[in-house]
ModelCIF file with pLDDT and N, C-alpha, C, O atoms, coordinates in Angstrom:
data_MODEL
#
_entry.id   MODEL 
#
_entity.id                         1 
_entity.type                       polymer 
_entity.pdbx_number_of_molecules   1 
#
_entity_poly.entity_id                      1 
_entity_poly.type                           'polypeptide(L)' 
_entity_poly.nstd_linkage                   no 
_entity_poly.nstd_monomer                   no 
_entity_poly.pdbx_seq_one_letter_code       FLVSPTIARLWALGGARLGKQPGFANHFLPCGKAPLPGQLF 
_entity_poly.pdbx_seq_one_letter_code_can   FLVSPTIARLWALGGARLGKQPGFANHFLPCGKAPLPGQLF 
_entity_poly.pdbx_strand_id                 A 
#
loop_
_entity_poly_seq.entity_id 
_entity_poly_seq.num 
_entity_poly_seq.mon_id 
_entity_poly_seq.hetero 
1 1  PHE n 
1 2  LEU n 
1 3  VAL n 
1 4  SER n 
1 5  PRO n 
1 6  THR n 
1 7  ILE n 
1 8  ALA n 
1 9  ARG n 
1 10 LEU n 
1 11 TRP n 
1 12 ALA n 
1 13 LEU n 
1 14 GLY n 
1 15 GLY n 
1 16 ALA n 
1 17 ARG n 
1 18 LEU n 
1 19 GLY n 
1 20 LYS n 
1 21 GLN n 
1 22 PRO n 
1 23 GLY n 
1 24 PHE n 
1 25 ALA n 
1 26 ASN n 
1 27 HIS n 
1 28 PHE n 
1 29 LEU n 
1 30 PRO n 
1 31 CYS n 
1 32 GLY n 
1 33 LYS n 
1 34 ALA n 
1 35 PRO n 
1 36 LEU n 
1 37 PRO n 
1 38 GLY n 
1 39 GLN n 
1 40 LEU n 
1 41 PHE n 
#
_struct_asym.id          A 
_struct_asym.entity_id   1 
#
loop_
_ma_qa_metric.id 
_ma_qa_metric.mode 
_ma_qa_metric.name 
_ma_qa_metric.software_group_id 
_ma_qa_metric.type 
1 global pLDDT . pLDDT 
2 local  pLDDT . pLDDT 
#
_ma_qa_metric_global.metric_id      1 
_ma_qa_metric_global.metric_value   95.20 
_ma_qa_metric_global.model_id       1 
_ma_qa_metric_global.ordinal_id     1 
#
loop_
_ma_qa_metric_local.label_asym_id 
_ma_qa_metric_local.label_comp_id 
_ma_qa_metric_local.label_seq_id 
_ma_qa_metric_local.metric_id 
_ma_qa_metric_local.metric_value 
_ma_qa_metric_local.model_id 
_ma_qa_metric_local.ordinal_id 
A PHE 1  2 97.00 1 1  
A LEU 2  2 97.00 1 2  
A VAL 3  2 96.00 1 3  
A SER 4  2 93.00 1 4  
A PRO 5  2 92.00 1 5  
A THR 6  2 89.00 1 6  
A ILE 7  2 94.00 1 7  
A ALA 8  2 95.00 1 8  
A ARG 9  2 93.00 1 9  
A LEU 10 2 93.00 1 10 
A TRP 11 2 97.00 1 11 
A ALA 12 2 96.00 1 12 
A LEU 13 2 95.00 1 13 
A GLY 14 2 95.00 1 14 
A GLY 15 2 96.00 1 15 
A ALA 16 2 96.00 1 16 
A ARG 17 2 95.00 1 17 
A LEU 18 2 96.00 1 18 
A GLY 19 2 95.00 1 19 
A LYS 20 2 96.00 1 20 
A GLN 21 2 97.00 1 21 
A PRO 22 2 96.00 1 22 
A GLY 23 2 96.00 1 23 
A PHE 24 2 97.00 1 24 
A ALA 25 2 97.00 1 25 
A ASN 26 2 95.00 1 26 
A HIS 27 2 96.00 1 27 
A PHE 28 2 97.00 1 28 
A LEU 29 2 96.00 1 29 
A PRO 30 2 92.00 1 30 
A CYS 31 2 89.00 1 31 
A GLY 32 2 93.00 1 32 
A LYS 33 2 95.00 1 33 
A ALA 34 2 97.00 1 34 
A PRO 35 2 97.00 1 35 
A LEU 36 2 96.00 1 36 
A PRO 37 2 95.00 1 37 
A GLY 38 2 95.00 1 38 
A GLN 39 2 96.00 1 39 
A LEU 40 2 97.00 1 40 
A PHE 41 2 98.00 1 41 
#
loop_
_atom_site.group_PDB 
_atom_site.id 
_atom_site.type_symbol 
_atom_site.label_atom_id 
_atom_site.label_alt_id 
_atom_site.label_comp_id 
_atom_site.label_asym_id 
_atom_site.label_entity_id 
_atom_site.label_seq_id 
_atom_site.pdbx_PDB_ins_code 
_atom_site.Cartn_x 
_atom_site.Cartn_y 
_atom_site.Cartn_z 
_atom_site.occupancy 
_atom_site.B_iso_or_equiv 
_atom_site.pdbx_formal_charge 
_atom_site.auth_seq_id 
_atom_site.auth_comp_id 
_atom_site.auth_asym_id 
_atom_site.auth_atom_id 
_atom_site.pdbx_PDB_model_num 
ATOM 1   N N  . PHE A 1 1  ? 5.472  -9.460  -53.242 1.00 97.00 ? 1  PHE A N  1 
ATOM 2   C CA . PHE A 1 1  ? 5.501  -8.608  -54.421 1.00 97.00 ? 1  PHE A CA 1 
ATOM 3   C C  . PHE A 1 1  ? 6.241  -9.354  -55.516 1.00 97.00 ? 1  PHE A C  1 
ATOM 4   O O  . PHE A 1 1  ? 7.022  -10.265 -55.242 1.00 97.00 ? 1  PHE A O  1 
ATOM 5   N N  . LEU A 1 2  ? 5.993  -8.966  -56.747 1.00 97.00 ? 2  LEU A N  1 
ATOM 6   C CA . LEU A 1 2  ? 6.653  -9.602  -57.878 1.00 97.00 ? 2  LEU A CA 1 
ATOM 7   C C  . LEU A 1 2  ? 7.982  -8.895  -58.139 1.00 97.00 ? 2  LEU A C  1 
ATOM 8   O O  . LEU A 1 2  ? 8.010  -7.698  -58.423 1.00 97.00 ? 2  LEU A O  1 
ATOM 9   N N  . VAL A 1 3  ? 9.068  -9.636  -58.041 1.00 96.00 ? 3  VAL A N  1 
ATOM 10  C CA . VAL A 1 3  ? 10.409 -9.055  -58.172 1.00 96.00 ? 3  VAL A CA 1 
ATOM 11  C C  . VAL A 1 3  ? 10.619 -8.569  -59.605 1.00 96.00 ? 3  VAL A C  1 
ATOM 12  O O  . VAL A 1 3  ? 10.396 -9.315  -60.557 1.00 96.00 ? 3  VAL A O  1 
ATOM 13  N N  . SER A 1 4  ? 11.043 -7.334  -59.751 1.00 93.00 ? 4  SER A N  1 
ATOM 14  C CA . SER A 1 4  ? 11.238 -6.747  -61.072 1.00 93.00 ? 4  SER A CA 1 
ATOM 15  C C  . SER A 1 4  ? 12.555 -7.209  -61.685 1.00 93.00 ? 4  SER A C  1 
ATOM 16  O O  . SER A 1 4  ? 13.443 -7.643  -60.950 1.00 93.00 ? 4  SER A O  1 
ATOM 17  N N  . PRO A 1 5  ? 12.712 -7.131  -63.014 1.00 92.00 ? 5  PRO A N  1 
ATOM 18  C CA . PRO A 1 5  ? 13.890 -7.695  -63.688 1.00 92.00 ? 5  PRO A CA 1 
ATOM 19  C C  . PRO A 1 5  ? 15.222 -7.128  -63.212 1.00 92.00 ? 5  PRO A C  1 
ATOM 20  O O  . PRO A 1 5  ? 16.159 -7.885  -62.959 1.00 92.00 ? 5  PRO A O  1 
ATOM 21  N N  . THR A 1 6  ? 15.316 -5.809  -63.088 1.00 89.00 ? 6  THR A N  1 
ATOM 22  C CA . THR A 1 6  ? 16.587 -5.222  -62.671 1.00 89.00 ? 6  THR A CA 1 
ATOM 23  C C  . THR A 1 6  ? 16.946 -5.648  -61.252 1.00 89.00 ? 6  THR A C  1 
ATOM 24  O O  . THR A 1 6  ? 18.094 -5.988  -60.965 1.00 89.00 ? 6  THR A O  1 
ATOM 25  N N  . ILE A 1 7  ? 15.951 -5.624  -60.373 1.00 94.00 ? 7  ILE A N  1 
ATOM 26  C CA . ILE A 1 7  ? 16.203 -6.027  -58.987 1.00 94.00 ? 7  ILE A CA 1 
ATOM 27  C C  . ILE A 1 7  ? 16.604 -7.499  -58.919 1.00 94.00 ? 7  ILE A C  1 
ATOM 28  O O  . ILE A 1 7  ? 17.482 -7.863  -58.137 1.00 94.00 ? 7  ILE A O  1 
ATOM 29  N N  . ALA A 1 8  ? 15.971 -8.349  -59.730 1.00 95.00 ? 8  ALA A N  1 
ATOM 30  C CA . ALA A 1 8  ? 16.315 -9.774  -59.742 1.00 95.00 ? 8  ALA A CA 1 
ATOM 31  C C  . ALA A 1 8  ? 17.777 -9.977  -60.143 1.00 95.00 ? 8  ALA A C  1 
ATOM 32  O O  . ALA A 1 8  ? 18.473 -10.814 -59.568 1.00 95.00 ? 8  ALA A O  1 
ATOM 33  N N  . ARG A 1 9  ? 18.233 -9.213  -61.124 1.00 93.00 ? 9  ARG A N  1 
ATOM 34  C CA . ARG A 1 9  ? 19.628 -9.357  -61.559 1.00 93.00 ? 9  ARG A CA 1 
ATOM 35  C C  . ARG A 1 9  ? 20.587 -8.932  -60.456 1.00 93.00 ? 9  ARG A C  1 
ATOM 36  O O  . ARG A 1 9  ? 21.574 -9.618  -60.191 1.00 93.00 ? 9  ARG A O  1 
ATOM 37  N N  . LEU A 1 10 ? 20.303 -7.811  -59.816 1.00 93.00 ? 10 LEU A N  1 
ATOM 38  C CA . LEU A 1 10 ? 21.161 -7.335  -58.734 1.00 93.00 ? 10 LEU A CA 1 
ATOM 39  C C  . LEU A 1 10 ? 21.091 -8.267  -57.523 1.00 93.00 ? 10 LEU A C  1 
ATOM 40  O O  . LEU A 1 10 ? 22.085 -8.444  -56.818 1.00 93.00 ? 10 LEU A O  1 
ATOM 41  N N  . TRP A 1 11 ? 19.933 -8.855  -57.284 1.00 97.00 ? 11 TRP A N  1 
ATOM 42  C CA . TRP A 1 11 ? 19.734 -9.793  -56.180 1.00 97.00 ? 11 TRP A CA 1 
ATOM 43  C C  . TRP A 1 11 ? 20.646 -11.010 -56.363 1.00 97.00 ? 11 TRP A C  1 
ATOM 44  O O  . TRP A 1 11 ? 21.297 -11.459 -55.419 1.00 97.00 ? 11 TRP A O  1 
ATOM 45  N N  . ALA A 1 12 ? 20.682 -11.535 -57.589 1.00 96.00 ? 12 ALA A N  1 
ATOM 46  C CA . ALA A 1 12 ? 21.530 -12.697 -57.864 1.00 96.00 ? 12 ALA A CA 1 
ATOM 47  C C  . ALA A 1 12 ? 23.007 -12.365 -57.664 1.00 96.00 ? 12 ALA A C  1 
ATOM 48  O O  . ALA A 1 12 ? 23.757 -13.180 -57.127 1.00 96.00 ? 12 ALA A O  1 
ATOM 49  N N  . LEU A 1 13 ? 23.421 -11.191 -58.087 1.00 95.00 ? 13 LEU A N  1 
ATOM 50  C CA . LEU A 1 13 ? 24.816 -10.774 -57.892 1.00 95.00 ? 13 LEU A CA 1 
ATOM 51  C C  . LEU A 1 13 ? 25.138 -10.642 -56.410 1.00 95.00 ? 13 LEU A C  1 
ATOM 52  O O  . LEU A 1 13 ? 26.194 -11.084 -55.959 1.00 95.00 ? 13 LEU A O  1 
ATOM 53  N N  . GLY A 1 14 ? 24.228 -10.034 -55.651 1.00 95.00 ? 14 GLY A N  1 
ATOM 54  C CA . GLY A 1 14 ? 24.442 -9.884  -54.218 1.00 95.00 ? 14 GLY A CA 1 
ATOM 55  C C  . GLY A 1 14 ? 24.464 -11.213 -53.498 1.00 95.00 ? 14 GLY A C  1 
ATOM 56  O O  . GLY A 1 14 ? 25.268 -11.414 -52.588 1.00 95.00 ? 14 GLY A O  1 
ATOM 57  N N  . GLY A 1 15 ? 23.581 -12.133 -53.898 1.00 96.00 ? 15 GLY A N  1 
ATOM 58  C CA . GLY A 1 15 ? 23.554 -13.446 -53.270 1.00 96.00 ? 15 GLY A CA 1 
ATOM 59  C C  . GLY A 1 15 ? 24.834 -14.218 -53.493 1.00 96.00 ? 15 GLY A C  1 
ATOM 60  O O  . GLY A 1 15 ? 25.316 -14.906 -52.592 1.00 96.00 ? 15 GLY A O  1 
ATOM 61  N N  . ALA A 1 16 ? 25.393 -14.107 -54.696 1.00 96.00 ? 16 ALA A N  1 
ATOM 62  C CA . ALA A 1 16 ? 26.637 -14.811 -54.992 1.00 96.00 ? 16 ALA A CA 1 
ATOM 63  C C  . ALA A 1 16 ? 27.785 -14.283 -54.140 1.00 96.00 ? 16 ALA A C  1 
ATOM 64  O O  . ALA A 1 16 ? 28.679 -15.044 -53.770 1.00 96.00 ? 16 ALA A O  1 
ATOM 65  N N  . ARG A 1 17 ? 27.774 -13.000 -53.827 1.00 95.00 ? 17 ARG A N  1 
ATOM 66  C CA . ARG A 1 17 ? 28.875 -12.390 -53.077 1.00 95.00 ? 17 ARG A CA 1 
ATOM 67  C C  . ARG A 1 17 ? 28.700 -12.510 -51.572 1.00 95.00 ? 17 ARG A C  1 
ATOM 68  O O  . ARG A 1 17 ? 29.678 -12.642 -50.837 1.00 95.00 ? 17 ARG A O  1 
ATOM 69  N N  . LEU A 1 18 ? 27.443 -12.465 -51.111 1.00 96.00 ? 18 LEU A N  1 
ATOM 70  C CA . LEU A 1 18 ? 27.194 -12.324 -49.676 1.00 96.00 ? 18 LEU A CA 1 
ATOM 71  C C  . LEU A 1 18 ? 26.416 -13.482 -49.058 1.00 96.00 ? 18 LEU A C  1 
ATOM 72  O O  . LEU A 1 18 ? 26.058 -13.427 -47.881 1.00 96.00 ? 18 LEU A O  1 
ATOM 73  N N  . GLY A 1 19 ? 26.154 -14.516 -49.829 1.00 95.00 ? 19 GLY A N  1 
ATOM 74  C CA . GLY A 1 19 ? 25.290 -15.590 -49.380 1.00 95.00 ? 19 GLY A CA 1 
ATOM 75  C C  . GLY A 1 19 ? 25.709 -16.285 -48.104 1.00 95.00 ? 19 GLY A C  1 
ATOM 76  O O  . GLY A 1 19 ? 24.881 -16.910 -47.442 1.00 95.00 ? 19 GLY A O  1 
ATOM 77  N N  . LYS A 1 20 ? 26.985 -16.189 -47.742 1.00 96.00 ? 20 LYS A N  1 
ATOM 78  C CA . LYS A 1 20 ? 27.461 -16.872 -46.537 1.00 96.00 ? 20 LYS A CA 1 
ATOM 79  C C  . LYS A 1 20 ? 27.539 -15.946 -45.320 1.00 96.00 ? 20 LYS A C  1 
ATOM 80  O O  . LYS A 1 20 ? 27.963 -16.369 -44.245 1.00 96.00 ? 20 LYS A O  1 
ATOM 81  N N  . GLN A 1 21 ? 27.137 -14.705 -45.485 1.00 97.00 ? 21 GLN A N  1 
ATOM 82  C CA . GLN A 1 21 ? 27.114 -13.803 -44.342 1.00 97.00 ? 21 GLN A CA 1 
ATOM 83  C C  . GLN A 1 21 ? 25.981 -14.203 -43.396 1.00 97.00 ? 21 GLN A C  1 
ATOM 84  O O  . GLN A 1 21 ? 24.993 -14.789 -43.838 1.00 97.00 ? 21 GLN A O  1 
ATOM 85  N N  . PRO A 1 22 ? 26.107 -13.895 -42.101 1.00 96.00 ? 22 PRO A N  1 
ATOM 86  C CA . PRO A 1 22 ? 25.088 -14.322 -41.122 1.00 96.00 ? 22 PRO A CA 1 
ATOM 87  C C  . PRO A 1 22 ? 23.677 -13.894 -41.508 1.00 96.00 ? 22 PRO A C  1 
ATOM 88  O O  . PRO A 1 22 ? 23.419 -12.709 -41.721 1.00 96.00 ? 22 PRO A O  1 
ATOM 89  N N  . GLY A 1 23 ? 22.775 -14.847 -41.597 1.00 96.00 ? 23 GLY A N  1 
ATOM 90  C CA . GLY A 1 23 ? 21.365 -14.575 -41.822 1.00 96.00 ? 23 GLY A CA 1 
ATOM 91  C C  . GLY A 1 23 ? 20.965 -14.319 -43.257 1.00 96.00 ? 23 GLY A C  1 
ATOM 92  O O  . GLY A 1 23 ? 19.772 -14.308 -43.561 1.00 96.00 ? 23 GLY A O  1 
ATOM 93  N N  . PHE A 1 24 ? 21.921 -14.112 -44.157 1.00 97.00 ? 24 PHE A N  1 
ATOM 94  C CA . PHE A 1 24 ? 21.561 -13.679 -45.515 1.00 97.00 ? 24 PHE A CA 1 
ATOM 95  C C  . PHE A 1 24 ? 20.748 -14.734 -46.261 1.00 97.00 ? 24 PHE A C  1 
ATOM 96  O O  . PHE A 1 24 ? 19.667 -14.445 -46.774 1.00 97.00 ? 24 PHE A O  1 
ATOM 97  N N  . ALA A 1 25 ? 21.273 -15.957 -46.319 1.00 97.00 ? 25 ALA A N  1 
ATOM 98  C CA . ALA A 1 25 ? 20.606 -16.993 -47.101 1.00 97.00 ? 25 ALA A CA 1 
ATOM 99  C C  . ALA A 1 25 ? 19.212 -17.284 -46.574 1.00 97.00 ? 25 ALA A C  1 
ATOM 100 O O  . ALA A 1 25 ? 18.283 -17.487 -47.356 1.00 97.00 ? 25 ALA A O  1 
ATOM 101 N N  . ASN A 1 26 ? 19.054 -17.306 -45.246 1.00 95.00 ? 26 ASN A N  1 
ATOM 102 C CA . ASN A 1 26 ? 17.746 -17.620 -44.657 1.00 95.00 ? 26 ASN A CA 1 
ATOM 103 C C  . ASN A 1 26 ? 16.674 -16.617 -45.053 1.00 95.00 ? 26 ASN A C  1 
ATOM 104 O O  . ASN A 1 26 ? 15.501 -16.966 -45.188 1.00 95.00 ? 26 ASN A O  1 
ATOM 105 N N  . HIS A 1 27 ? 17.086 -15.370 -45.237 1.00 96.00 ? 27 HIS A N  1 
ATOM 106 C CA . HIS A 1 27 ? 16.107 -14.319 -45.517 1.00 96.00 ? 27 HIS A CA 1 
ATOM 107 C C  . HIS A 1 27 ? 15.980 -13.966 -46.993 1.00 96.00 ? 27 HIS A C  1 
ATOM 108 O O  . HIS A 1 27 ? 14.893 -13.606 -47.447 1.00 96.00 ? 27 HIS A O  1 
ATOM 109 N N  . PHE A 1 28 ? 17.063 -14.063 -47.745 1.00 97.00 ? 28 PHE A N  1 
ATOM 110 C CA . PHE A 1 28 ? 17.052 -13.533 -49.111 1.00 97.00 ? 28 PHE A CA 1 
ATOM 111 C C  . PHE A 1 28 ? 17.313 -14.557 -50.210 1.00 97.00 ? 28 PHE A C  1 
ATOM 112 O O  . PHE A 1 28 ? 17.293 -14.207 -51.390 1.00 97.00 ? 28 PHE A O  1 
ATOM 113 N N  . LEU A 1 29 ? 17.556 -15.797 -49.850 1.00 96.00 ? 29 LEU A N  1 
ATOM 114 C CA . LEU A 1 29 ? 17.780 -16.824 -50.870 1.00 96.00 ? 29 LEU A CA 1 
ATOM 115 C C  . LEU A 1 29 ? 16.804 -17.988 -50.658 1.00 96.00 ? 29 LEU A C  1 
ATOM 116 O O  . LEU A 1 29 ? 17.208 -19.066 -50.221 1.00 96.00 ? 29 LEU A O  1 
ATOM 117 N N  . PRO A 1 30 ? 15.534 -17.770 -50.966 1.00 92.00 ? 30 PRO A N  1 
ATOM 118 C CA . PRO A 1 30 ? 14.559 -18.859 -50.803 1.00 92.00 ? 30 PRO A CA 1 
ATOM 119 C C  . PRO A 1 30 ? 14.934 -20.036 -51.694 1.00 92.00 ? 30 PRO A C  1 
ATOM 120 O O  . PRO A 1 30 ? 15.282 -19.852 -52.861 1.00 92.00 ? 30 PRO A O  1 
ATOM 121 N N  . CYS A 1 31 ? 14.864 -21.222 -51.156 1.00 89.00 ? 31 CYS A N  1 
ATOM 122 C CA . CYS A 1 31 ? 15.244 -22.438 -51.891 1.00 89.00 ? 31 CYS A CA 1 
ATOM 123 C C  . CYS A 1 31 ? 16.690 -22.388 -52.357 1.00 89.00 ? 31 CYS A C  1 
ATOM 124 O O  . CYS A 1 31 ? 17.067 -23.060 -53.317 1.00 89.00 ? 31 CYS A O  1 
ATOM 125 N N  . GLY A 1 32 ? 17.501 -21.579 -51.667 1.00 93.00 ? 32 GLY A N  1 
ATOM 126 C CA . GLY A 1 32 ? 18.928 -21.550 -51.949 1.00 93.00 ? 32 GLY A CA 1 
ATOM 127 C C  . GLY A 1 32 ? 19.365 -20.659 -53.080 1.00 93.00 ? 32 GLY A C  1 
ATOM 128 O O  . GLY A 1 32 ? 20.537 -20.688 -53.455 1.00 93.00 ? 32 GLY A O  1 
ATOM 129 N N  . LYS A 1 33 ? 18.460 -19.857 -53.650 1.00 95.00 ? 33 LYS A N  1 
ATOM 130 C CA . LYS A 1 33 ? 18.864 -18.981 -54.748 1.00 95.00 ? 33 LYS A CA 1 
ATOM 131 C C  . LYS A 1 33 ? 18.013 -17.714 -54.757 1.00 95.00 ? 33 LYS A C  1 
ATOM 132 O O  . LYS A 1 33 ? 16.942 -17.651 -54.154 1.00 95.00 ? 33 LYS A O  1 
ATOM 133 N N  . ALA A 1 34 ? 18.526 -16.710 -55.462 1.00 97.00 ? 34 ALA A N  1 
ATOM 134 C CA . ALA A 1 34 ? 17.814 -15.438 -55.546 1.00 97.00 ? 34 ALA A CA 1 
ATOM 135 C C  . ALA A 1 34 ? 16.526 -15.611 -56.353 1.00 97.00 ? 34 ALA A C  1 
ATOM 136 O O  . ALA A 1 34 ? 16.479 -16.450 -57.252 1.00 97.00 ? 34 ALA A O  1 
ATOM 137 N N  . PRO A 1 35 ? 15.489 -14.842 -56.053 1.00 97.00 ? 35 PRO A N  1 
ATOM 138 C CA . PRO A 1 35 ? 14.242 -14.927 -56.819 1.00 97.00 ? 35 PRO A CA 1 
ATOM 139 C C  . PRO A 1 35 ? 14.438 -14.483 -58.265 1.00 97.00 ? 35 PRO A C  1 
ATOM 140 O O  . PRO A 1 35 ? 15.281 -13.633 -58.551 1.00 97.00 ? 35 PRO A O  1 
ATOM 141 N N  . LEU A 1 36 ? 13.670 -15.053 -59.158 1.00 96.00 ? 36 LEU A N  1 
ATOM 142 C CA . LEU A 1 36 ? 13.731 -14.728 -60.580 1.00 96.00 ? 36 LEU A CA 1 
ATOM 143 C C  . LEU A 1 36 ? 12.807 -13.561 -60.898 1.00 96.00 ? 36 LEU A C  1 
ATOM 144 O O  . LEU A 1 36 ? 11.928 -13.242 -60.098 1.00 96.00 ? 36 LEU A O  1 
ATOM 145 N N  . PRO A 1 37 ? 12.987 -12.914 -62.054 1.00 95.00 ? 37 PRO A N  1 
ATOM 146 C CA . PRO A 1 37 ? 12.056 -11.851 -62.447 1.00 95.00 ? 37 PRO A CA 1 
ATOM 147 C C  . PRO A 1 37 ? 10.620 -12.362 -62.465 1.00 95.00 ? 37 PRO A C  1 
ATOM 148 O O  . PRO A 1 37 ? 10.341 -13.423 -63.023 1.00 95.00 ? 37 PRO A O  1 
ATOM 149 N N  . GLY A 1 38 ? 9.723  -11.615 -61.862 1.00 95.00 ? 38 GLY A N  1 
ATOM 150 C CA . GLY A 1 38 ? 8.324  -11.994 -61.813 1.00 95.00 ? 38 GLY A CA 1 
ATOM 151 C C  . GLY A 1 38 ? 7.963  -12.955 -60.709 1.00 95.00 ? 38 GLY A C  1 
ATOM 152 O O  . GLY A 1 38 ? 6.791  -13.295 -60.544 1.00 95.00 ? 38 GLY A O  1 
ATOM 153 N N  . GLN A 1 39 ? 8.953  -13.407 -59.940 1.00 96.00 ? 39 GLN A N  1 
ATOM 154 C CA . GLN A 1 39 ? 8.672  -14.344 -58.852 1.00 96.00 ? 39 GLN A CA 1 
ATOM 155 C C  . GLN A 1 39 ? 8.125  -13.602 -57.637 1.00 96.00 ? 39 GLN A C  1 
ATOM 156 O O  . GLN A 1 39 ? 8.589  -12.512 -57.302 1.00 96.00 ? 39 GLN A O  1 
ATOM 157 N N  . LEU A 1 40 ? 7.132  -14.205 -56.981 1.00 97.00 ? 40 LEU A N  1 
ATOM 158 C CA . LEU A 1 40 ? 6.562  -13.613 -55.778 1.00 97.00 ? 40 LEU A CA 1 
ATOM 159 C C  . LEU A 1 40 ? 7.517  -13.834 -54.609 1.00 97.00 ? 40 LEU A C  1 
ATOM 160 O O  . LEU A 1 40 ? 7.961  -14.955 -54.362 1.00 97.00 ? 40 LEU A O  1 
ATOM 161 N N  . PHE A 1 41 ? 7.828  -12.759 -53.897 1.00 98.00 ? 41 PHE A N  1 
ATOM 162 C CA . PHE A 1 41 ? 8.721  -12.857 -52.741 1.00 98.00 ? 41 PHE A CA 1 
ATOM 163 C C  . PHE A 1 41 ? 8.028  -12.278 -51.524 1.00 98.00 ? 41 PHE A C  1 
ATOM 164 O O  . PHE A 1 41 ? 8.603  -12.260 -50.436 1.00 98.00 ? 41 PHE A O  1 
#
């Protein structure tokens, strides 16, 4: 699905805070970062 702008912003904030928790980066940070608005996830 195409990530919407508000969700993309919250995703980036969550990734910065929780990226080192078990399993988080592997599932929610493709290529090491949160998806951008309009990016297919």
